[in-house]
Amino acid sequence: DKCLQNHYRRWTINDLIDACTDALAEYEGRSNPVSRRTFQNDLALMRS
């Protein structure tokens, strides 16, 4: 949501996945990258 509110940048799927990965690393100490399937599930949840 924060990324898509930033209209000064165009967001590809890889950009958004990287942003989610970085956020999880900061808040939870996780270094594992977010998968495309997880990202698509998140988008579906937001759209629903």
ModelCIF file with pLDDT and N, C-alpha, C, O atoms, coordinates in Angstrom:
data_MODEL
#
_entry.id   MODEL 
#
_entity.id                         1 
_entity.type                       polymer 
_entity.pdbx_number_of_molecules   1 
#
_entity_poly.entity_id                      1 
_entity_poly.type                           'polypeptide(L)' 
_entity_poly.nstd_linkage                   no 
_entity_poly.nstd_monomer                   no 
_entity_poly.pdbx_seq_one_letter_code       DKCLQNHYRRWTINDLIDACTDALAEYEGRSNPVSRRTFQNDLALMRS 
_entity_poly.pdbx_seq_one_letter_code_can   DKCLQNHYRRWTINDLIDACTDALAEYEGRSNPVSRRTFQNDLALMRS 
_entity_poly.pdbx_strand_id                 A 
#
loop_
_entity_poly_seq.entity_id 
_entity_poly_seq.num 
_entity_poly_seq.mon_id 
_entity_poly_seq.hetero 
1 1  ASP n 
1 2  LYS n 
1 3  CYS n 
1 4  LEU n 
1 5  GLN n 
1 6  ASN n 
1 7  HIS n 
1 8  TYR n 
1 9  ARG n 
1 10 ARG n 
1 11 TRP n 
1 12 THR n 
1 13 ILE n 
1 14 ASN n 
1 15 ASP n 
1 16 LEU n 
1 17 ILE n 
1 18 ASP n 
1 19 ALA n 
1 20 CYS n 
1 21 THR n 
1 22 ASP n 
1 23 ALA n 
1 24 LEU n 
1 25 ALA n 
1 26 GLU n 
1 27 TYR n 
1 28 GLU n 
1 29 GLY n 
1 30 ARG n 
1 31 SER n 
1 32 ASN n 
1 33 PRO n 
1 34 VAL n 
1 35 SER n 
1 36 ARG n 
1 37 ARG n 
1 38 THR n 
1 39 PHE n 
1 40 GLN n 
1 41 ASN n 
1 42 ASP n 
1 43 LEU n 
1 44 ALA n 
1 45 LEU n 
1 46 MET n 
1 47 ARG n 
1 48 SER n 
#
_struct_asym.id          A 
_struct_asym.entity_id   1 
#
loop_
_ma_qa_metric.id 
_ma_qa_metric.mode 
_ma_qa_metric.name 
_ma_qa_metric.software_group_id 
_ma_qa_metric.type 
1 global pLDDT . pLDDT 
2 local  pLDDT . pLDDT 
#
_ma_qa_metric_global.metric_id      1 
_ma_qa_metric_global.metric_value   86.42 
_ma_qa_metric_global.model_id       1 
_ma_qa_metric_global.ordinal_id     1 
#
loop_
_ma_qa_metric_local.label_asym_id 
_ma_qa_metric_local.label_comp_id 
_ma_qa_metric_local.label_seq_id 
_ma_qa_metric_local.metric_id 
_ma_qa_metric_local.metric_value 
_ma_qa_metric_local.model_id 
_ma_qa_metric_local.ordinal_id 
A ASP 1  2 90.00 1 1  
A LYS 2  2 88.00 1 2  
A CYS 3  2 90.00 1 3  
A LEU 4  2 92.00 1 4  
A GLN 5  2 87.00 1 5  
A ASN 6  2 84.00 1 6  
A HIS 7  2 81.00 1 7  
A TYR 8  2 78.00 1 8  
A ARG 9  2 85.00 1 9  
A ARG 10 2 89.00 1 10 
A TRP 11 2 93.00 1 11 
A THR 12 2 94.00 1 12 
A ILE 13 2 94.00 1 13 
A ASN 14 2 93.00 1 14 
A ASP 15 2 93.00 1 15 
A LEU 16 2 94.00 1 16 
A ILE 17 2 93.00 1 17 
A ASP 18 2 90.00 1 18 
A ALA 19 2 90.00 1 19 
A CYS 20 2 90.00 1 20 
A THR 21 2 89.00 1 21 
A ASP 22 2 85.00 1 22 
A ALA 23 2 83.00 1 23 
A LEU 24 2 83.00 1 24 
A ALA 25 2 80.00 1 25 
A GLU 26 2 74.00 1 26 
A TYR 27 2 71.00 1 27 
A GLU 28 2 64.00 1 28 
A GLY 29 2 62.00 1 29 
A ARG 30 2 57.00 1 30 
A SER 31 2 67.00 1 31 
A ASN 32 2 78.00 1 32 
A PRO 33 2 87.00 1 33 
A VAL 34 2 90.00 1 34 
A SER 35 2 92.00 1 35 
A ARG 36 2 93.00 1 36 
A ARG 37 2 93.00 1 37 
A THR 38 2 93.00 1 38 
A PHE 39 2 94.00 1 39 
A GLN 40 2 93.00 1 40 
A ASN 41 2 92.00 1 41 
A ASP 42 2 92.00 1 42 
A LEU 43 2 94.00 1 43 
A ALA 44 2 92.00 1 44 
A LEU 45 2 90.00 1 45 
A MET 46 2 91.00 1 46 
A ARG 47 2 92.00 1 47 
A SER 48 2 89.00 1 48 
#
loop_
_atom_site.group_PDB 
_atom_site.id 
_atom_site.type_symbol 
_atom_site.label_atom_id 
_atom_site.label_alt_id 
_atom_site.label_comp_id 
_atom_site.label_asym_id 
_atom_site.label_entity_id 
_atom_site.label_seq_id 
_atom_site.pdbx_PDB_ins_code 
_atom_site.Cartn_x 
_atom_site.Cartn_y 
_atom_site.Cartn_z 
_atom_site.occupancy 
_atom_site.B_iso_or_equiv 
_atom_site.pdbx_formal_charge 
_atom_site.auth_seq_id 
_atom_site.auth_comp_id 
_atom_site.auth_asym_id 
_atom_site.auth_atom_id 
_atom_site.pdbx_PDB_model_num 
ATOM 1   N N  . ASP A 1 1  ? 0.828   -1.206  0.000   1.00 90.00 ? 1  ASP A N  1 
ATOM 2   C CA . ASP A 1 1  ? 0.000   0.000   0.000   1.00 90.00 ? 1  ASP A CA 1 
ATOM 3   C C  . ASP A 1 1  ? 0.865   1.259   0.000   1.00 90.00 ? 1  ASP A C  1 
ATOM 4   O O  . ASP A 1 1  ? 0.581   2.205   -0.736  1.00 90.00 ? 1  ASP A O  1 
ATOM 5   N N  . LYS A 1 2  ? 1.918   1.278   0.820   1.00 88.00 ? 2  LYS A N  1 
ATOM 6   C CA . LYS A 1 2  ? 2.802   2.448   0.868   1.00 88.00 ? 2  LYS A CA 1 
ATOM 7   C C  . LYS A 1 2  ? 3.493   2.669   -0.475  1.00 88.00 ? 2  LYS A C  1 
ATOM 8   O O  . LYS A 1 2  ? 3.638   3.804   -0.927  1.00 88.00 ? 2  LYS A O  1 
ATOM 9   N N  . CYS A 1 3  ? 3.917   1.574   -1.107  1.00 90.00 ? 3  CYS A N  1 
ATOM 10  C CA . CYS A 1 3  ? 4.582   1.696   -2.405  1.00 90.00 ? 3  CYS A CA 1 
ATOM 11  C C  . CYS A 1 3  ? 3.636   2.279   -3.458  1.00 90.00 ? 3  CYS A C  1 
ATOM 12  O O  . CYS A 1 3  ? 4.012   3.184   -4.204  1.00 90.00 ? 3  CYS A O  1 
ATOM 13  N N  . LEU A 1 4  ? 2.419   1.761   -3.515  1.00 92.00 ? 4  LEU A N  1 
ATOM 14  C CA . LEU A 1 4  ? 1.478   2.198   -4.541  1.00 92.00 ? 4  LEU A CA 1 
ATOM 15  C C  . LEU A 1 4  ? 0.972   3.609   -4.298  1.00 92.00 ? 4  LEU A C  1 
ATOM 16  O O  . LEU A 1 4  ? 0.440   4.241   -5.211  1.00 92.00 ? 4  LEU A O  1 
ATOM 17  N N  . GLN A 1 5  ? 1.131   4.110   -3.080  1.00 87.00 ? 5  GLN A N  1 
ATOM 18  C CA . GLN A 1 5  ? 0.784   5.510   -2.812  1.00 87.00 ? 5  GLN A CA 1 
ATOM 19  C C  . GLN A 1 5  ? 1.866   6.466   -3.292  1.00 87.00 ? 5  GLN A C  1 
ATOM 20  O O  . GLN A 1 5  ? 1.629   7.667   -3.425  1.00 87.00 ? 5  GLN A O  1 
ATOM 21  N N  . ASN A 1 6  ? 3.056   5.929   -3.552  1.00 84.00 ? 6  ASN A N  1 
ATOM 22  C CA . ASN A 1 6  ? 4.168   6.747   -4.039  1.00 84.00 ? 6  ASN A CA 1 
ATOM 23  C C  . ASN A 1 6  ? 4.049   6.880   -5.560  1.00 84.00 ? 6  ASN A C  1 
ATOM 24  O O  . ASN A 1 6  ? 4.444   5.981   -6.301  1.00 84.00 ? 6  ASN A O  1 
ATOM 25  N N  . HIS A 1 7  ? 3.506   7.996   -6.010  1.00 81.00 ? 7  HIS A N  1 
ATOM 26  C CA . HIS A 1 7  ? 3.247   8.191   -7.442  1.00 81.00 ? 7  HIS A CA 1 
ATOM 27  C C  . HIS A 1 7  ? 4.466   8.716   -8.195  1.00 81.00 ? 7  HIS A C  1 
ATOM 28  O O  . HIS A 1 7  ? 4.399   8.957   -9.400  1.00 81.00 ? 7  HIS A O  1 
ATOM 29  N N  . TYR A 1 8  ? 5.577   8.892   -7.485  1.00 78.00 ? 8  TYR A N  1 
ATOM 30  C CA . TYR A 1 8  ? 6.791   9.381   -8.143  1.00 78.00 ? 8  TYR A CA 1 
ATOM 31  C C  . TYR A 1 8  ? 7.663   8.245   -8.657  1.00 78.00 ? 8  TYR A C  1 
ATOM 32  O O  . TYR A 1 8  ? 8.761   8.463   -9.170  1.00 78.00 ? 8  TYR A O  1 
ATOM 33  N N  . ARG A 1 9  ? 7.155   7.039   -8.510  1.00 85.00 ? 9  ARG A N  1 
ATOM 34  C CA . ARG A 1 9  ? 7.902   5.883   -8.980  1.00 85.00 ? 9  ARG A CA 1 
ATOM 35  C C  . ARG A 1 9  ? 6.938   4.875   -9.587  1.00 85.00 ? 9  ARG A C  1 
ATOM 36  O O  . ARG A 1 9  ? 5.796   4.753   -9.143  1.00 85.00 ? 9  ARG A O  1 
ATOM 37  N N  . ARG A 1 10 ? 7.398   4.153   -10.603 1.00 89.00 ? 10 ARG A N  1 
ATOM 38  C CA . ARG A 1 10 ? 6.595   3.098   -11.216 1.00 89.00 ? 10 ARG A CA 1 
ATOM 39  C C  . ARG A 1 10 ? 7.068   1.755   -10.657 1.00 89.00 ? 10 ARG A C  1 
ATOM 40  O O  . ARG A 1 10 ? 8.265   1.469   -10.622 1.00 89.00 ? 10 ARG A O  1 
ATOM 41  N N  . TRP A 1 11 ? 6.115   0.948   -10.225 1.00 93.00 ? 11 TRP A N  1 
ATOM 42  C CA . TRP A 1 11 ? 6.420   -0.262  -9.455  1.00 93.00 ? 11 TRP A CA 1 
ATOM 43  C C  . TRP A 1 11 ? 6.189   -1.521  -10.279 1.00 93.00 ? 11 TRP A C  1 
ATOM 44  O O  . TRP A 1 11 ? 5.065   -1.813  -10.687 1.00 93.00 ? 11 TRP A O  1 
ATOM 45  N N  . THR A 1 12 ? 7.266   -2.260  -10.518 1.00 94.00 ? 12 THR A N  1 
ATOM 46  C CA . THR A 1 12 ? 7.144   -3.573  -11.152 1.00 94.00 ? 12 THR A CA 1 
ATOM 47  C C  . THR A 1 12 ? 6.911   -4.617  -10.063 1.00 94.00 ? 12 THR A C  1 
ATOM 48  O O  . THR A 1 12 ? 7.023   -4.325  -8.872  1.00 94.00 ? 12 THR A O  1 
ATOM 49  N N  . ILE A 1 13 ? 6.586   -5.831  -10.485 1.00 94.00 ? 13 ILE A N  1 
ATOM 50  C CA . ILE A 1 13 ? 6.365   -6.898  -9.512  1.00 94.00 ? 13 ILE A CA 1 
ATOM 51  C C  . ILE A 1 13 ? 7.628   -7.170  -8.708  1.00 94.00 ? 13 ILE A C  1 
ATOM 52  O O  . ILE A 1 13 ? 7.556   -7.444  -7.510  1.00 94.00 ? 13 ILE A O  1 
ATOM 53  N N  . ASN A 1 14 ? 8.793   -7.096  -9.367  1.00 93.00 ? 14 ASN A N  1 
ATOM 54  C CA . ASN A 1 14 ? 10.055  -7.326  -8.654  1.00 93.00 ? 14 ASN A CA 1 
ATOM 55  C C  . ASN A 1 14 ? 10.339  -6.219  -7.650  1.00 93.00 ? 14 ASN A C  1 
ATOM 56  O O  . ASN A 1 14 ? 10.870  -6.475  -6.570  1.00 93.00 ? 14 ASN A O  1 
ATOM 57  N N  . ASP A 1 15 ? 9.982   -4.979  -8.010  1.00 93.00 ? 15 ASP A N  1 
ATOM 58  C CA . ASP A 1 15 ? 10.170  -3.864  -7.072  1.00 93.00 ? 15 ASP A CA 1 
ATOM 59  C C  . ASP A 1 15 ? 9.337   -4.070  -5.811  1.00 93.00 ? 15 ASP A C  1 
ATOM 60  O O  . ASP A 1 15 ? 9.823   -3.864  -4.698  1.00 93.00 ? 15 ASP A O  1 
ATOM 61  N N  . LEU A 1 16 ? 8.101   -4.471  -5.985  1.00 94.00 ? 16 LEU A N  1 
ATOM 62  C CA . LEU A 1 16 ? 7.200   -4.652  -4.852  1.00 94.00 ? 16 LEU A CA 1 
ATOM 63  C C  . LEU A 1 16 ? 7.619   -5.843  -3.996  1.00 94.00 ? 16 LEU A C  1 
ATOM 64  O O  . LEU A 1 16 ? 7.548   -5.788  -2.768  1.00 94.00 ? 16 LEU A O  1 
ATOM 65  N N  . ILE A 1 17 ? 8.055   -6.916  -4.645  1.00 93.00 ? 17 ILE A N  1 
ATOM 66  C CA . ILE A 1 17 ? 8.529   -8.085  -3.885  1.00 93.00 ? 17 ILE A CA 1 
ATOM 67  C C  . ILE A 1 17 ? 9.762   -7.724  -3.072  1.00 93.00 ? 17 ILE A C  1 
ATOM 68  O O  . ILE A 1 17 ? 9.887   -8.123  -1.914  1.00 93.00 ? 17 ILE A O  1 
ATOM 69  N N  . ASP A 1 18 ? 10.684  -6.960  -3.685  1.00 90.00 ? 18 ASP A N  1 
ATOM 70  C CA . ASP A 1 18 ? 11.887  -6.534  -2.955  1.00 90.00 ? 18 ASP A CA 1 
ATOM 71  C C  . ASP A 1 18 ? 11.513  -5.652  -1.758  1.00 90.00 ? 18 ASP A C  1 
ATOM 72  O O  . ASP A 1 18 ? 12.108  -5.780  -0.689  1.00 90.00 ? 18 ASP A O  1 
ATOM 73  N N  . ALA A 1 19 ? 10.545  -4.771  -1.929  1.00 90.00 ? 19 ALA A N  1 
ATOM 74  C CA . ALA A 1 19 ? 10.127  -3.894  -0.839  1.00 90.00 ? 19 ALA A CA 1 
ATOM 75  C C  . ALA A 1 19 ? 9.523   -4.708  0.306   1.00 90.00 ? 19 ALA A C  1 
ATOM 76  O O  . ALA A 1 19 ? 9.773   -4.413  1.475   1.00 90.00 ? 19 ALA A O  1 
ATOM 77  N N  . CYS A 1 20 ? 8.730   -5.730  -0.025  1.00 90.00 ? 20 CYS A N  1 
ATOM 78  C CA . CYS A 1 20 ? 8.140   -6.592  1.008   1.00 90.00 ? 20 CYS A CA 1 
ATOM 79  C C  . CYS A 1 20 ? 9.222   -7.392  1.725   1.00 90.00 ? 20 CYS A C  1 
ATOM 80  O O  . CYS A 1 20 ? 9.172   -7.559  2.944   1.00 90.00 ? 20 CYS A O  1 
ATOM 81  N N  . THR A 1 21 ? 10.188  -7.879  0.977   1.00 89.00 ? 21 THR A N  1 
ATOM 82  C CA . THR A 1 21 ? 11.292  -8.637  1.572   1.00 89.00 ? 21 THR A CA 1 
ATOM 83  C C  . THR A 1 21 ? 12.084  -7.767  2.543   1.00 89.00 ? 21 THR A C  1 
ATOM 84  O O  . THR A 1 21 ? 12.431  -8.202  3.641   1.00 89.00 ? 21 THR A O  1 
ATOM 85  N N  . ASP A 1 22 ? 12.365  -6.526  2.123   1.00 85.00 ? 22 ASP A N  1 
ATOM 86  C CA . ASP A 1 22 ? 13.109  -5.608  2.987   1.00 85.00 ? 22 ASP A CA 1 
ATOM 87  C C  . ASP A 1 22 ? 12.319  -5.280  4.256   1.00 85.00 ? 22 ASP A C  1 
ATOM 88  O O  . ASP A 1 22 ? 12.892  -5.183  5.341   1.00 85.00 ? 22 ASP A O  1 
ATOM 89  N N  . ALA A 1 23 ? 11.005  -5.110  4.116   1.00 83.00 ? 23 ALA A N  1 
ATOM 90  C CA . ALA A 1 23 ? 10.170  -4.780  5.281   1.00 83.00 ? 23 ALA A CA 1 
ATOM 91  C C  . ALA A 1 23 ? 10.162  -5.918  6.286   1.00 83.00 ? 23 ALA A C  1 
ATOM 92  O O  . ALA A 1 23 ? 10.256  -5.685  7.491   1.00 83.00 ? 23 ALA A O  1 
ATOM 93  N N  . LEU A 1 24 ? 10.051  -7.150  5.799   1.00 83.00 ? 24 LEU A N  1 
ATOM 94  C CA . LEU A 1 24 ? 10.065  -8.299  6.702   1.00 83.00 ? 24 LEU A CA 1 
ATOM 95  C C  . LEU A 1 24 ? 11.421  -8.440  7.380   1.00 83.00 ? 24 LEU A C  1 
ATOM 96  O O  . LEU A 1 24 ? 11.500  -8.795  8.556   1.00 83.00 ? 24 LEU A O  1 
ATOM 97  N N  . ALA A 1 25 ? 12.490  -8.159  6.632   1.00 80.00 ? 25 ALA A N  1 
ATOM 98  C CA . ALA A 1 25 ? 13.829  -8.236  7.224   1.00 80.00 ? 25 ALA A CA 1 
ATOM 99  C C  . ALA A 1 25 ? 13.996  -7.210  8.341   1.00 80.00 ? 25 ALA A C  1 
ATOM 100 O O  . ALA A 1 25 ? 14.656  -7.476  9.345   1.00 80.00 ? 25 ALA A O  1 
ATOM 101 N N  . GLU A 1 26 ? 13.388  -6.027  8.155   1.00 74.00 ? 26 GLU A N  1 
ATOM 102 C CA . GLU A 1 26 ? 13.512  -4.967  9.163   1.00 74.00 ? 26 GLU A CA 1 
ATOM 103 C C  . GLU A 1 26 ? 12.680  -5.250  10.400  1.00 74.00 ? 26 GLU A C  1 
ATOM 104 O O  . GLU A 1 26 ? 13.148  -5.060  11.523  1.00 74.00 ? 26 GLU A O  1 
ATOM 105 N N  . TYR A 1 27 ? 11.438  -5.707  10.200  1.00 71.00 ? 27 TYR A N  1 
ATOM 106 C CA . TYR A 1 27 ? 10.526  -5.856  11.333  1.00 71.00 ? 27 TYR A CA 1 
ATOM 107 C C  . TYR A 1 27 ? 10.609  -7.220  12.000  1.00 71.00 ? 27 TYR A C  1 
ATOM 108 O O  . TYR A 1 27 ? 10.326  -7.337  13.193  1.00 71.00 ? 27 TYR A O  1 
ATOM 109 N N  . GLU A 1 28 ? 10.991  -8.254  11.259  1.00 64.00 ? 28 GLU A N  1 
ATOM 110 C CA . GLU A 1 28 ? 10.984  -9.597  11.826  1.00 64.00 ? 28 GLU A CA 1 
ATOM 111 C C  . GLU A 1 28 ? 12.347  -10.278 11.779  1.00 64.00 ? 28 GLU A C  1 
ATOM 112 O O  . GLU A 1 28 ? 12.501  -11.387 12.292  1.00 64.00 ? 28 GLU A O  1 
ATOM 113 N N  . GLY A 1 29 ? 13.330  -9.632  11.175  1.00 62.00 ? 29 GLY A N  1 
ATOM 114 C CA . GLY A 1 29 ? 14.645  -10.240 11.091  1.00 62.00 ? 29 GLY A CA 1 
ATOM 115 C C  . GLY A 1 29 ? 14.724  -11.368 10.086  1.00 62.00 ? 29 GLY A C  1 
ATOM 116 O O  . GLY A 1 29 ? 15.654  -12.173 10.122  1.00 62.00 ? 29 GLY A O  1 
ATOM 117 N N  . ARG A 1 30 ? 13.750  -11.431 9.184   1.00 57.00 ? 30 ARG A N  1 
ATOM 118 C CA . ARG A 1 30 ? 13.742  -12.494 8.176   1.00 57.00 ? 30 ARG A CA 1 
ATOM 119 C C  . ARG A 1 30 ? 14.522  -12.056 6.946   1.00 57.00 ? 30 ARG A C  1 
ATOM 120 O O  . ARG A 1 30 ? 14.361  -10.931 6.473   1.00 57.00 ? 30 ARG A O  1 
ATOM 121 N N  . SER A 1 31 ? 15.361  -12.933 6.433   1.00 67.00 ? 31 SER A N  1 
ATOM 122 C CA . SER A 1 31 ? 16.143  -12.598 5.244   1.00 67.00 ? 31 SER A CA 1 
ATOM 123 C C  . SER A 1 31 ? 15.675  -13.372 4.016   1.00 67.00 ? 31 SER A C  1 
ATOM 124 O O  . SER A 1 31 ? 16.221  -13.179 2.930   1.00 67.00 ? 31 SER A O  1 
ATOM 125 N N  . ASN A 1 32 ? 14.672  -14.249 4.162   1.00 78.00 ? 32 ASN A N  1 
ATOM 126 C CA . ASN A 1 32 ? 14.182  -15.033 3.032   1.00 78.00 ? 32 ASN A CA 1 
ATOM 127 C C  . ASN A 1 32 ? 13.342  -14.163 2.101   1.00 78.00 ? 32 ASN A C  1 
ATOM 128 O O  . ASN A 1 32 ? 12.470  -13.431 2.570   1.00 78.00 ? 32 ASN A O  1 
ATOM 129 N N  . PRO A 1 33 ? 13.584  -14.228 0.788   1.00 87.00 ? 33 PRO A N  1 
ATOM 130 C CA . PRO A 1 33 ? 12.814  -13.396 -0.142  1.00 87.00 ? 33 PRO A CA 1 
ATOM 131 C C  . PRO A 1 33 ? 11.359  -13.845 -0.215  1.00 87.00 ? 33 PRO A C  1 
ATOM 132 O O  . PRO A 1 33 ? 11.048  -15.028 -0.076  1.00 87.00 ? 33 PRO A O  1 
ATOM 133 N N  . VAL A 1 34 ? 10.480  -12.879 -0.436  1.00 90.00 ? 34 VAL A N  1 
ATOM 134 C CA . VAL A 1 34 ? 9.063   -13.180 -0.619  1.00 90.00 ? 34 VAL A CA 1 
ATOM 135 C C  . VAL A 1 34 ? 8.873   -13.813 -1.992  1.00 90.00 ? 34 VAL A C  1 
ATOM 136 O O  . VAL A 1 34 ? 9.419   -13.317 -2.978  1.00 90.00 ? 34 VAL A O  1 
ATOM 137 N N  . SER A 1 35 ? 8.120   -14.883 -2.070  1.00 92.00 ? 35 SER A N  1 
ATOM 138 C CA . SER A 1 35 ? 7.917   -15.566 -3.345  1.00 92.00 ? 35 SER A CA 1 
ATOM 139 C C  . SER A 1 35 ? 6.850   -14.853 -4.176  1.00 92.00 ? 35 SER A C  1 
ATOM 140 O O  . SER A 1 35 ? 6.039   -14.093 -3.646  1.00 92.00 ? 35 SER A O  1 
ATOM 141 N N  . ARG A 1 36 ? 6.864   -15.108 -5.480  1.00 93.00 ? 36 ARG A N  1 
ATOM 142 C CA . ARG A 1 36 ? 5.863   -14.510 -6.365  1.00 93.00 ? 36 ARG A CA 1 
ATOM 143 C C  . ARG A 1 36 ? 4.462   -14.998 -5.999  1.00 93.00 ? 36 ARG A C  1 
ATOM 144 O O  . ARG A 1 36 ? 3.495   -14.239 -6.062  1.00 93.00 ? 36 ARG A O  1 
ATOM 145 N N  . ARG A 1 37 ? 4.364   -16.258 -5.621  1.00 93.00 ? 37 ARG A N  1 
ATOM 146 C CA . ARG A 1 37 ? 3.057   -16.810 -5.261  1.00 93.00 ? 37 ARG A CA 1 
ATOM 147 C C  . ARG A 1 37 ? 2.497   -16.101 -4.026  1.00 93.00 ? 37 ARG A C  1 
ATOM 148 O O  . ARG A 1 37 ? 1.313   -15.765 -3.976  1.00 93.00 ? 37 ARG A O  1 
ATOM 149 N N  . THR A 1 38 ? 3.365   -15.876 -3.023  1.00 93.00 ? 38 THR A N  1 
ATOM 150 C CA . THR A 1 38 ? 2.921   -15.161 -1.823  1.00 93.00 ? 38 THR A CA 1 
ATOM 151 C C  . THR A 1 38 ? 2.483   -13.748 -2.181  1.00 93.00 ? 38 THR A C  1 
ATOM 152 O O  . THR A 1 38 ? 1.462   -13.265 -1.690  1.00 93.00 ? 38 THR A O  1 
ATOM 153 N N  . PHE A 1 39 ? 3.258   -13.086 -3.039  1.00 94.00 ? 39 PHE A N  1 
ATOM 154 C CA . PHE A 1 39 ? 2.914   -11.727 -3.455  1.00 94.00 ? 39 PHE A CA 1 
ATOM 155 C C  . PHE A 1 39 ? 1.571   -11.694 -4.183  1.00 94.00 ? 39 PHE A C  1 
ATOM 156 O O  . PHE A 1 39 ? 0.749   -10.812 -3.931  1.00 94.00 ? 39 PHE A O  1 
ATOM 157 N N  . GLN A 1 40 ? 1.347   -12.649 -5.082  1.00 93.00 ? 40 GLN A N  1 
ATOM 158 C CA . GLN A 1 40 ? 0.082   -12.695 -5.817  1.00 93.00 ? 40 GLN A CA 1 
ATOM 159 C C  . GLN A 1 40 ? -1.089  -12.951 -4.871  1.00 93.00 ? 40 GLN A C  1 
ATOM 160 O O  . GLN A 1 40 ? -2.175  -12.404 -5.059  1.00 93.00 ? 40 GLN A O  1 
ATOM 161 N N  . ASN A 1 41 ? -0.864  -13.784 -3.853  1.00 92.00 ? 41 ASN A N  1 
ATOM 162 C CA . ASN A 1 41 ? -1.923  -14.015 -2.857  1.00 92.00 ? 41 ASN A CA 1 
ATOM 163 C C  . ASN A 1 41 ? -2.238  -12.739 -2.083  1.00 92.00 ? 41 ASN A C  1 
ATOM 164 O O  . ASN A 1 41 ? -3.396  -12.463 -1.771  1.00 92.00 ? 41 ASN A O  1 
ATOM 165 N N  . ASP A 1 42 ? -1.199  -11.964 -1.776  1.00 92.00 ? 42 ASP A N  1 
ATOM 166 C CA . ASP A 1 42 ? -1.410  -10.693 -1.076  1.00 92.00 ? 42 ASP A CA 1 
ATOM 167 C C  . ASP A 1 42 ? -2.220  -9.722  -1.939  1.00 92.00 ? 42 ASP A C  1 
ATOM 168 O O  . ASP A 1 42 ? -3.119  -9.045  -1.439  1.00 92.00 ? 42 ASP A O  1 
ATOM 169 N N  . LEU A 1 43 ? -1.903  -9.654  -3.233  1.00 94.00 ? 43 LEU A N  1 
ATOM 170 C CA . LEU A 1 43 ? -2.653  -8.782  -4.134  1.00 94.00 ? 43 LEU A CA 1 
ATOM 171 C C  . LEU A 1 43 ? -4.116  -9.208  -4.201  1.00 94.00 ? 43 LEU A C  1 
ATOM 172 O O  . LEU A 1 43 ? -5.018  -8.371  -4.157  1.00 94.00 ? 43 LEU A O  1 
ATOM 173 N N  . ALA A 1 44 ? -4.344  -10.528 -4.308  1.00 92.00 ? 44 ALA A N  1 
ATOM 174 C CA . ALA A 1 44 ? -5.718  -11.036 -4.365  1.00 92.00 ? 44 ALA A CA 1 
ATOM 175 C C  . ALA A 1 44 ? -6.483  -10.680 -3.094  1.00 92.00 ? 44 ALA A C  1 
ATOM 176 O O  . ALA A 1 44 ? -7.665  -10.340 -3.142  1.00 92.00 ? 44 ALA A O  1 
ATOM 177 N N  . LEU A 1 45 ? -5.781  -10.765 -1.936  1.00 90.00 ? 45 LEU A N  1 
ATOM 178 C CA . LEU A 1 45 ? -6.416  -10.422 -0.663  1.00 90.00 ? 45 LEU A CA 1 
ATOM 179 C C  . LEU A 1 45 ? -6.781  -8.948  -0.615  1.00 90.00 ? 45 LEU A C  1 
ATOM 180 O O  . LEU A 1 45 ? -7.856  -8.586  -0.136  1.00 90.00 ? 45 LEU A O  1 
ATOM 181 N N  . MET A 1 46 ? -5.889  -8.096  -1.110  1.00 91.00 ? 46 MET A N  1 
ATOM 182 C CA . MET A 1 46 ? -6.158  -6.658  -1.119  1.00 91.00 ? 46 MET A CA 1 
ATOM 183 C C  . MET A 1 46 ? -7.293  -6.312  -2.078  1.00 91.00 ? 46 MET A C  1 
ATOM 184 O O  . MET A 1 46 ? -8.091  -5.417  -1.798  1.00 91.00 ? 46 MET A O  1 
ATOM 185 N N  . ARG A 1 47 ? -7.369  -7.008  -3.197  1.00 92.00 ? 47 ARG A N  1 
ATOM 186 C CA . ARG A 1 47 ? -8.413  -6.727  -4.190  1.00 92.00 ? 47 ARG A CA 1 
ATOM 187 C C  . ARG A 1 47 ? -9.783  -7.246  -3.752  1.00 92.00 ? 47 ARG A C  1 
ATOM 188 O O  . ARG A 1 47 ? -10.813 -6.770  -4.229  1.00 92.00 ? 47 ARG A O  1 
ATOM 189 N N  . SER A 1 48 ? -9.792  -8.212  -2.854  1.00 89.00 ? 48 SER A N  1 
ATOM 190 C CA . SER A 1 48 ? -11.046 -8.820  -2.417  1.00 89.00 ? 48 SER A CA 1 
ATOM 191 C C  . SER A 1 48 ? -11.703 -7.981  -1.322  1.00 89.00 ? 48 SER A C  1 
ATOM 192 O O  . SER A 1 48 ? -12.773 -8.338  -0.829  1.00 89.00 ? 48 SER A O  1 
#
